[in-house]
Protein backbone atom coordinates (compact mmCIF):
# COMPACT_ATOMS: atom_id res chain seq x y z
CA MET A 1 119.54 108.56 142.28
CA ASN A 2 115.98 107.72 141.25
CA ARG A 3 116.02 104.17 139.88
CA LEU A 4 113.27 101.85 138.63
CA LEU A 5 113.65 98.31 137.31
CA ILE A 6 110.90 96.86 135.12
CA LYS A 7 111.32 93.09 135.29
CA GLY A 8 110.35 90.34 132.90
CA GLY A 9 108.16 92.13 130.37
CA ARG A 10 108.00 91.59 126.65
CA VAL A 11 109.89 94.64 125.41
CA VAL A 12 108.63 95.81 122.02
CA ASP A 13 110.79 98.59 120.57
CA PRO A 14 110.54 98.81 116.78
CA ALA A 15 113.13 101.60 116.64
CA SER A 16 115.70 99.19 118.08
CA GLY A 17 114.37 96.09 116.30
CA LEU A 18 113.66 94.49 119.67
CA ASP A 19 110.78 92.18 120.54
CA ALA A 20 111.85 89.90 123.37
CA GLU A 21 111.63 89.36 127.11
CA ARG A 22 113.93 91.88 128.74
CA ASP A 23 114.37 93.95 131.88
CA VAL A 24 114.41 97.74 131.62
CA LEU A 25 116.40 99.87 134.06
CA ILE A 26 115.53 103.54 134.46
CA GLU A 27 117.82 106.00 136.19
CA ASP A 28 117.05 109.69 136.73
CA GLY A 29 114.48 109.92 133.96
CA ARG A 30 116.52 108.06 131.32
CA ILE A 31 116.68 104.49 130.04
CA ALA A 32 119.89 103.13 131.58
CA ALA A 33 119.84 99.56 130.28
CA VAL A 34 117.66 97.01 128.46
CA ALA A 35 118.87 93.45 128.94
CA PRO A 36 117.93 90.09 130.44
CA GLY A 37 118.75 89.35 134.06
CA LEU A 38 119.25 92.88 135.36
CA THR A 39 119.38 93.16 139.14
CA ALA A 40 117.48 95.68 141.21
CA GLY A 41 120.02 96.79 143.81
CA ASP A 42 118.42 99.82 145.47
CA ALA A 43 116.00 100.34 142.58
CA ARG A 44 112.26 100.16 142.95
CA MET A 45 111.10 97.04 141.11
CA MET A 46 108.04 96.63 138.91
CA ASP A 47 106.90 93.13 137.92
CA ALA A 48 105.93 93.17 134.22
CA ARG A 49 105.73 89.43 133.58
CA GLY A 50 102.99 88.71 131.03
CA LEU A 51 102.88 92.37 130.02
CA ILE A 52 104.17 94.38 127.06
CA VAL A 53 106.69 97.14 127.71
CA ALA A 54 106.79 99.73 124.93
CA PRO A 55 108.25 103.18 124.33
CA GLY A 56 105.80 105.79 125.56
CA PHE A 57 102.83 106.32 123.26
CA ILE A 58 102.44 109.71 121.57
CA ASP A 59 99.07 111.08 120.52
CA MET A 60 100.04 113.54 117.83
CA HIS A 61 96.58 115.08 117.46
CA VAL A 62 94.61 116.29 120.48
CA HIS A 63 92.59 119.33 121.47
CA LEU A 64 93.25 120.25 125.10
CA ARG A 65 91.01 123.34 124.72
CA GLU A 66 93.07 125.50 127.10
CA PRO A 67 93.25 128.48 126.90
CA GLY A 68 89.72 129.65 126.26
CA PHE A 69 87.49 126.58 126.36
CA GLU A 70 88.23 125.20 129.82
CA HIS A 71 84.58 124.16 130.25
CA LYS A 72 85.30 121.47 127.62
CA GLU A 73 88.78 120.37 128.74
CA THR A 74 91.88 121.69 130.46
CA ILE A 75 95.54 120.82 130.20
CA GLU A 76 95.22 119.13 133.58
CA THR A 77 92.19 116.98 132.77
CA GLY A 78 93.33 116.24 129.23
CA THR A 79 96.77 115.08 130.27
CA ARG A 80 95.29 112.97 133.08
CA ALA A 81 93.11 111.33 130.42
CA ALA A 82 96.21 110.77 128.28
CA ALA A 83 98.08 109.08 131.14
CA ALA A 84 95.06 106.91 131.94
CA GLY A 85 94.84 105.88 128.31
CA GLY A 86 98.50 104.92 127.92
CA PHE A 87 99.95 108.08 126.35
CA THR A 88 103.08 109.73 127.71
CA SER A 89 103.04 112.65 125.26
CA VAL A 90 100.32 114.63 123.51
CA VAL A 91 100.48 117.17 120.71
CA THR A 92 97.88 119.89 121.15
CA MET A 93 96.33 121.84 118.28
CA ALA A 94 96.16 125.60 117.88
CA ASN A 95 92.40 126.22 117.83
CA THR A 96 92.27 127.68 121.31
CA ARG A 97 90.99 131.12 122.35
CA PRO A 98 93.13 133.08 121.81
CA VAL A 99 94.45 131.04 118.91
CA ASN A 100 98.00 129.76 119.34
CA ASP A 101 99.26 132.07 116.60
CA ASN A 102 101.86 133.90 118.68
CA ALA A 103 104.68 132.96 121.02
CA ALA A 104 102.87 134.17 124.14
CA VAL A 105 100.15 131.53 123.76
CA THR A 106 102.70 128.79 123.07
CA GLU A 107 104.59 129.80 126.21
CA LEU A 108 101.36 129.82 128.24
CA ILE A 109 100.52 126.27 127.16
CA LEU A 110 104.00 125.03 128.04
CA ARG A 111 103.94 126.81 131.39
CA ARG A 112 100.56 125.33 132.30
CA ALA A 113 101.74 121.88 131.18
CA ALA A 114 104.78 122.18 133.46
CA GLU A 115 102.53 123.18 136.36
CA VAL A 116 99.69 120.66 136.06
CA GLY A 117 100.41 118.28 133.15
CA ALA A 118 100.50 114.55 133.80
CA VAL A 119 102.32 113.89 130.49
CA HIS A 120 104.52 115.79 128.06
CA VAL A 121 102.66 118.45 126.06
CA PHE A 122 103.92 119.62 122.67
CA PRO A 123 102.06 122.60 121.20
CA VAL A 124 101.28 123.09 117.53
CA GLY A 125 101.28 126.67 116.29
CA ALA A 126 98.83 128.12 113.79
CA ILE A 127 99.62 128.43 110.09
CA THR A 128 97.61 131.62 109.73
CA LYS A 129 96.63 134.40 112.09
CA GLY A 130 93.36 133.62 113.82
CA LEU A 131 93.07 130.42 111.74
CA GLU A 132 91.50 132.65 109.09
CA GLY A 133 93.55 131.30 106.19
CA LYS A 134 94.62 134.74 105.01
CA GLU A 135 97.81 136.02 106.65
CA LEU A 136 100.66 133.77 107.77
CA ALA A 137 101.33 133.56 111.50
CA GLU A 138 104.84 134.23 112.77
CA MET A 139 105.80 130.59 112.48
CA GLY A 140 109.46 131.22 113.31
CA GLU A 141 108.51 132.78 116.64
CA LEU A 142 106.07 129.96 117.40
CA ILE A 143 108.70 127.29 116.73
CA ALA A 144 111.32 129.17 118.74
CA ALA A 145 108.85 129.28 121.64
CA GLY A 146 108.36 125.49 121.52
CA ALA A 147 105.85 124.61 118.79
CA VAL A 148 106.75 121.31 117.09
CA ALA A 149 104.62 121.81 113.97
CA VAL A 150 102.13 124.24 112.45
CA SER A 151 98.49 123.63 111.60
CA ASP A 152 95.15 125.39 111.26
CA ASP A 153 93.50 122.08 112.20
CA GLY A 154 89.77 122.32 112.23
CA ARG A 155 90.00 124.54 109.17
CA PRO A 156 91.78 123.91 105.87
CA VAL A 157 93.96 126.57 104.28
CA GLU A 158 91.77 127.06 101.23
CA ASP A 159 93.80 129.65 99.33
CA PRO A 160 96.51 127.76 97.37
CA ARG A 161 98.75 130.84 97.34
CA VAL A 162 98.66 131.09 101.13
CA MET A 163 99.32 127.35 101.43
CA ARG A 164 102.26 127.55 99.06
CA ARG A 165 103.80 130.40 101.06
CA ALA A 166 103.24 128.51 104.31
CA LEU A 167 104.95 125.40 102.97
CA GLU A 168 107.86 127.46 101.70
CA TYR A 169 108.16 129.28 105.03
CA VAL A 170 108.08 126.12 107.13
CA THR A 171 110.96 124.52 105.20
CA ALA A 172 113.35 126.94 106.96
CA PHE A 173 112.57 125.22 110.28
CA ASP A 174 112.27 121.58 109.10
CA VAL A 175 109.04 120.93 110.98
CA PRO A 176 105.91 119.43 109.42
CA LEU A 177 102.91 121.41 108.30
CA ILE A 178 99.86 119.44 109.47
CA GLU A 179 96.83 119.99 107.28
CA HIS A 180 93.14 119.35 107.79
CA SER A 181 92.40 118.50 104.17
CA GLU A 182 88.93 119.25 102.86
CA THR A 183 87.26 121.45 100.25
CA PRO A 184 84.41 123.17 102.15
CA SER A 185 82.91 124.89 99.10
CA LEU A 186 81.86 121.44 97.84
CA HIS A 187 79.58 120.77 100.80
CA PRO A 188 78.23 123.82 102.62
CA GLY A 189 76.39 122.64 105.71
CA GLY A 190 77.53 119.03 105.32
CA VAL A 191 77.37 116.97 108.52
CA MET A 192 78.12 113.36 107.49
CA ASN A 193 79.58 111.31 104.66
CA GLU A 194 77.78 111.76 101.35
CA GLY A 195 76.34 108.46 100.21
CA TYR A 196 73.51 106.02 100.83
CA TRP A 197 73.14 106.81 104.53
CA SER A 198 73.11 110.59 104.14
CA THR A 199 70.31 110.18 101.60
CA ALA A 200 68.39 107.73 103.75
CA LEU A 201 68.71 109.92 106.84
CA GLY A 202 68.04 113.21 105.10
CA LEU A 203 71.30 114.75 106.28
CA ARG A 204 73.56 116.95 104.18
CA GLY A 205 76.61 115.07 102.93
CA ILE A 206 80.37 115.65 102.75
CA PRO A 207 81.72 113.80 99.70
CA ALA A 208 84.92 111.78 99.86
CA ALA A 209 86.10 113.88 96.91
CA SER A 210 86.37 116.86 99.25
CA GLU A 211 89.29 115.22 101.01
CA GLU A 212 90.94 113.80 97.90
CA ILE A 213 90.95 117.15 96.08
CA ALA A 214 92.54 118.89 99.06
CA VAL A 215 95.14 116.19 99.68
CA ARG A 216 96.22 116.06 96.04
CA ARG A 217 96.48 119.86 95.87
CA ASN A 218 98.52 119.96 99.07
CA VAL A 219 100.85 117.21 97.85
CA ILE A 220 101.48 119.19 94.65
CA LEU A 221 102.26 122.32 96.66
CA ALA A 222 104.49 120.41 99.11
CA ALA A 223 106.46 119.05 96.16
CA LEU A 224 106.81 122.57 94.79
CA ALA A 225 108.09 123.88 98.12
CA GLY A 226 110.12 120.82 99.12
CA ALA A 227 108.29 120.86 102.46
CA ARG A 228 107.24 118.29 105.04
CA LEU A 229 103.48 117.79 104.77
CA HIS A 230 101.46 115.71 107.21
CA ILE A 231 97.84 114.85 106.44
CA ALA A 232 95.73 114.85 109.60
CA HIS A 233 92.94 112.32 110.24
CA LEU A 234 92.93 110.89 106.71
CA SER A 235 89.63 109.10 106.08
CA THR A 236 89.21 108.05 102.43
CA ARG A 237 90.63 105.48 100.03
CA ALA A 238 91.39 108.07 97.35
CA ALA A 239 93.24 110.36 99.77
CA LEU A 240 95.28 107.40 100.98
CA ASP A 241 96.17 106.58 97.38
CA ALA A 242 97.39 110.16 96.97
CA VAL A 243 99.68 109.79 99.99
CA ARG A 244 100.91 106.41 98.75
CA ASP A 245 101.74 107.95 95.37
CA ALA A 246 103.56 110.85 97.04
CA LYS A 247 105.69 108.50 99.09
CA ALA A 248 106.54 106.45 96.02
CA ARG A 249 107.84 109.67 94.43
CA GLY A 250 110.08 110.32 97.44
CA LEU A 251 108.11 113.31 98.73
CA ARG A 252 108.14 114.10 102.43
CA VAL A 253 104.46 113.38 102.94
CA THR A 254 103.08 111.51 105.95
CA CYS A 255 99.62 110.82 107.35
CA GLU A 256 97.67 109.67 110.38
CA VAL A 257 94.33 107.91 110.87
CA THR A 258 91.98 107.74 113.85
CA PRO A 259 90.49 104.74 115.66
CA HIS A 260 86.95 105.87 114.82
CA HIS A 261 87.65 105.93 111.09
CA LEU A 262 89.27 102.51 111.33
CA LEU A 263 86.40 100.89 113.24
CA LEU A 264 83.17 102.67 112.31
CA THR A 265 81.36 103.64 109.11
CA ASP A 266 78.63 106.11 108.18
CA GLU A 267 76.04 103.45 108.97
CA ALA A 268 76.64 104.28 112.66
CA VAL A 269 74.90 107.62 112.08
CA LYS A 270 71.54 105.90 111.45
CA THR A 271 70.53 106.41 115.10
CA TYR A 272 71.19 110.17 114.81
CA ASP A 273 73.51 109.84 117.82
CA THR A 274 75.58 113.04 117.76
CA ARG A 275 78.52 111.15 119.24
CA THR A 276 79.02 109.83 115.70
CA LYS A 277 79.48 113.35 114.31
CA MET A 278 83.06 114.31 113.56
CA ASN A 279 85.06 116.00 110.82
CA PRO A 280 86.11 114.31 108.64
CA PRO A 281 82.96 112.21 108.95
CA LEU A 282 82.69 108.47 109.29
CA ARG A 283 83.11 107.10 105.79
CA SER A 284 82.06 104.04 103.77
CA GLU A 285 83.07 100.45 104.39
CA GLU A 286 85.24 100.64 101.26
CA ASP A 287 87.15 103.55 102.78
CA ARG A 288 87.49 101.77 106.12
CA GLN A 289 88.94 98.67 104.50
CA ALA A 290 91.39 100.82 102.55
CA LEU A 291 92.61 102.42 105.77
CA LEU A 292 93.17 98.99 107.33
CA SER A 293 95.24 98.04 104.28
CA GLY A 294 97.22 101.27 104.66
CA LEU A 295 98.08 100.33 108.22
CA ALA A 296 99.34 96.94 107.15
CA ASP A 297 101.39 98.08 104.14
CA GLY A 298 103.14 100.94 105.92
CA THR A 299 101.54 103.85 104.06
CA ILE A 300 100.04 105.22 107.28
CA ASP A 301 102.57 106.65 109.70
CA ALA A 302 100.56 107.07 112.89
CA ILE A 303 97.32 106.43 114.71
CA ALA A 304 96.10 109.61 116.42
CA THR A 305 92.88 110.22 118.30
CA ASP A 306 91.84 113.74 117.23
CA HIS A 307 90.62 113.94 120.85
CA ALA A 308 87.97 116.68 120.71
CA PRO A 309 86.06 117.02 123.98
CA HIS A 310 82.82 119.00 124.08
CA HIS A 311 80.44 120.07 126.79
CA ALA A 312 77.25 118.00 126.85
CA ASP A 313 75.24 121.01 125.68
CA ASP A 314 77.21 121.04 122.42
CA LYS A 315 76.13 117.49 121.62
CA GLN A 316 72.62 117.18 123.08
CA VAL A 317 70.98 118.96 120.15
CA GLU A 318 69.77 118.05 116.66
CA TYR A 319 72.39 116.31 114.52
CA ASP A 320 72.67 119.27 112.13
CA LYS A 321 73.41 121.63 115.01
CA ALA A 322 75.73 119.45 117.10
CA ALA A 323 79.44 120.15 117.37
CA PHE A 324 81.85 118.01 115.39
CA GLY A 325 84.23 115.83 117.39
CA VAL A 326 84.73 112.82 119.64
CA VAL A 327 87.05 112.03 122.54
CA GLY A 328 89.66 109.31 122.18
CA LEU A 329 92.52 109.47 124.67
CA GLU A 330 91.10 106.84 127.02
CA THR A 331 89.71 104.46 124.39
CA ALA A 332 92.30 104.40 121.59
CA VAL A 333 94.67 101.83 123.07
CA PRO A 334 92.02 99.27 124.15
CA LEU A 335 90.30 99.66 120.78
CA ALA A 336 93.58 99.10 118.94
CA LEU A 337 94.57 96.11 121.03
CA ASP A 338 91.21 94.41 120.69
CA ARG A 339 89.93 95.38 117.24
CA LEU A 340 93.20 95.79 115.34
CA VAL A 341 95.75 93.46 116.97
CA GLY A 342 93.18 91.00 118.31
CA ALA A 343 91.44 90.86 114.94
CA GLY A 344 94.70 90.16 113.12
CA HIS A 345 95.01 93.46 111.25
CA LEU A 346 98.24 94.44 113.03
CA THR A 347 101.07 92.92 115.00
CA ILE A 348 101.94 94.36 118.40
CA SER A 349 105.20 95.69 116.95
CA ARG A 350 103.38 97.54 114.16
CA LEU A 351 100.90 98.98 116.66
CA VAL A 352 103.74 100.30 118.81
CA GLU A 353 105.28 101.84 115.72
CA LEU A 354 102.00 103.58 114.86
CA LEU A 355 101.47 104.90 118.40
CA SER A 356 105.04 105.74 119.37
CA THR A 357 107.91 105.41 116.91
CA GLY A 358 105.93 106.76 113.95
CA PRO A 359 104.61 109.94 115.62
CA ALA A 360 108.07 110.66 117.04
CA ARG A 361 109.59 110.32 113.58
CA VAL A 362 106.99 112.53 111.90
CA LEU A 363 107.41 115.29 114.48
CA GLY A 364 111.16 114.96 114.97
CA LEU A 365 110.79 114.25 118.68
CA LYS A 366 113.52 112.51 120.62
CA LYS A 367 111.00 109.92 121.75
CA GLY A 368 109.66 106.61 120.54
CA THR A 369 112.42 104.25 121.68
CA LEU A 370 113.67 102.43 124.76
CA ALA A 371 117.30 102.56 123.67
CA PRO A 372 119.77 103.36 126.49
CA GLY A 373 120.02 107.11 126.93
CA ALA A 374 116.48 107.79 125.69
CA ASP A 375 113.89 109.60 127.78
CA ALA A 376 112.26 107.19 130.21
CA ASP A 377 108.78 107.39 128.71
CA VAL A 378 107.23 103.93 128.85
CA THR A 379 103.78 102.48 128.18
CA ILE A 380 102.98 99.10 129.73
CA LEU A 381 100.16 97.05 128.25
CA ASP A 382 98.18 94.09 129.51
CA PRO A 383 96.85 92.41 126.34
CA GLU A 384 94.44 90.26 128.36
CA ARG A 385 92.91 92.81 130.71
CA SER A 386 89.24 93.58 130.07
CA PHE A 387 88.20 97.18 129.55
CA LYS A 388 84.66 98.50 129.26
CA VAL A 389 84.11 101.94 127.79
CA GLU A 390 82.25 103.90 130.45
CA SER A 391 82.50 107.61 129.77
CA ALA A 392 81.27 108.51 133.25
CA ARG A 393 84.60 107.20 134.54
CA PHE A 394 86.79 109.16 132.12
CA GLN A 395 89.47 111.49 133.41
CA SER A 396 88.61 113.79 130.49
CA LYS A 397 85.80 116.30 130.85
CA GLY A 398 84.52 115.06 127.49
CA ARG A 399 82.00 112.21 127.40
CA ASN A 400 81.37 112.29 123.65
CA THR A 401 82.52 108.81 122.63
CA PRO A 402 80.81 106.67 119.98
CA PHE A 403 82.16 103.56 121.69
CA GLU A 404 80.09 103.81 124.89
CA GLY A 405 79.47 100.35 126.38
CA TRP A 406 81.98 98.47 124.22
CA THR A 407 83.84 95.71 126.06
CA LEU A 408 87.42 95.28 124.85
CA ARG A 409 90.38 93.04 125.62
CA GLY A 410 93.64 94.84 126.27
CA GLN A 411 94.53 98.00 128.12
CA ALA A 412 97.42 100.21 129.17
CA VAL A 413 98.05 99.46 132.84
CA ALA A 414 100.89 101.89 133.52
CA THR A 415 102.45 104.95 131.98
CA ILE A 416 105.89 106.14 132.99
CA VAL A 417 106.70 109.75 132.13
CA SER A 418 110.36 110.75 132.52
CA GLY A 419 110.70 107.92 135.03
CA ARG A 420 107.59 108.95 136.99
CA ILE A 421 104.95 106.23 137.30
CA ASP A 422 101.27 106.85 136.62
CA SER A 423 98.56 104.16 136.89
CA PRO A 424 100.78 101.71 138.86
CA LEU A 425 100.63 97.98 138.19
CA SER A 426 99.30 97.41 141.68
CA ALA A 427 95.94 98.26 140.11
CA ARG A 428 96.03 94.97 138.17
């Protein structure tokens, strides 16, 4: 029997209402017991005194790029980055080549994850064939093959009739439809938030209204279909208000935000550094403050990275021509510990909920808890350990982080995936 005893850590498990010093016993890939004073016997022992022991973190929005864009990232490098960053599960989007719009691609991703993955990989299938927004993909086949949600992420489904049909279709499987909500016809060629800084920099803007219009339309259609709708990488105050209103009406609408939208604004673009270019773009300070309030009041269900690695050639060009996207798997947890918990915006328990319990609930995964019998996915945090963002040391192939050089307090020091230890505490 494979046994591991984690001794003396502060166990934070919002799903169980637990925040106290406890020992955690793992047997054969499952949580066997959580209690004070457990003895090791023949178990391997891990000293977690002074550390935080949490249910394994889940990044519900990543781009692993495989198949088709392996020069940017692979399942192997992306999952190694996830483990290094404190994540035990990742949810990978469908904009691969070929697109994950059929069961064969879903099966390929799962097979590669089983062969080389350092963490659990959950694929998301496409809403429409080829991500073209015209003809629905065979969502039933995708879900049967292992997809946990559907999304055309990277592209919105612009046709309201197609979106309505997709929402109606997905209700048969009780999985969420994850939508990249924008209205592209409002801002052809837009590369950053529309406002003072876009004017000052002479760059084409993307108005906040683009997101609000799309979110409100999608909420209306989700209500019509009775479907589960999840808003990806929400970035504006008005869109957050739309989600808050939907929840107050009892609709099954959820949302996520990213660390970069929580910590940066469009002012960061003033250096024309293409590492600040992402979609949705960095927004105003008013929007950022609204997102922080949404974290605190429970409107936001998850923090997700939208990890989008690119080859250097895709970023080392003029701002207008650079690819959208930033990496986040190896920086999200230190950023959250230092700039959200350390700054008093969140408690540790709420952060664990946003990174573990919340994503598991949105996706219907049997994860996000340390209750006996649960999968032994564990993230161990050292809230005092210093971490400097140095992209040259990333496990990911992507180096496109806007946080280069930041020094942060707090880091994941171990991830345990189905009882298997990665980043052992001996590295402390």
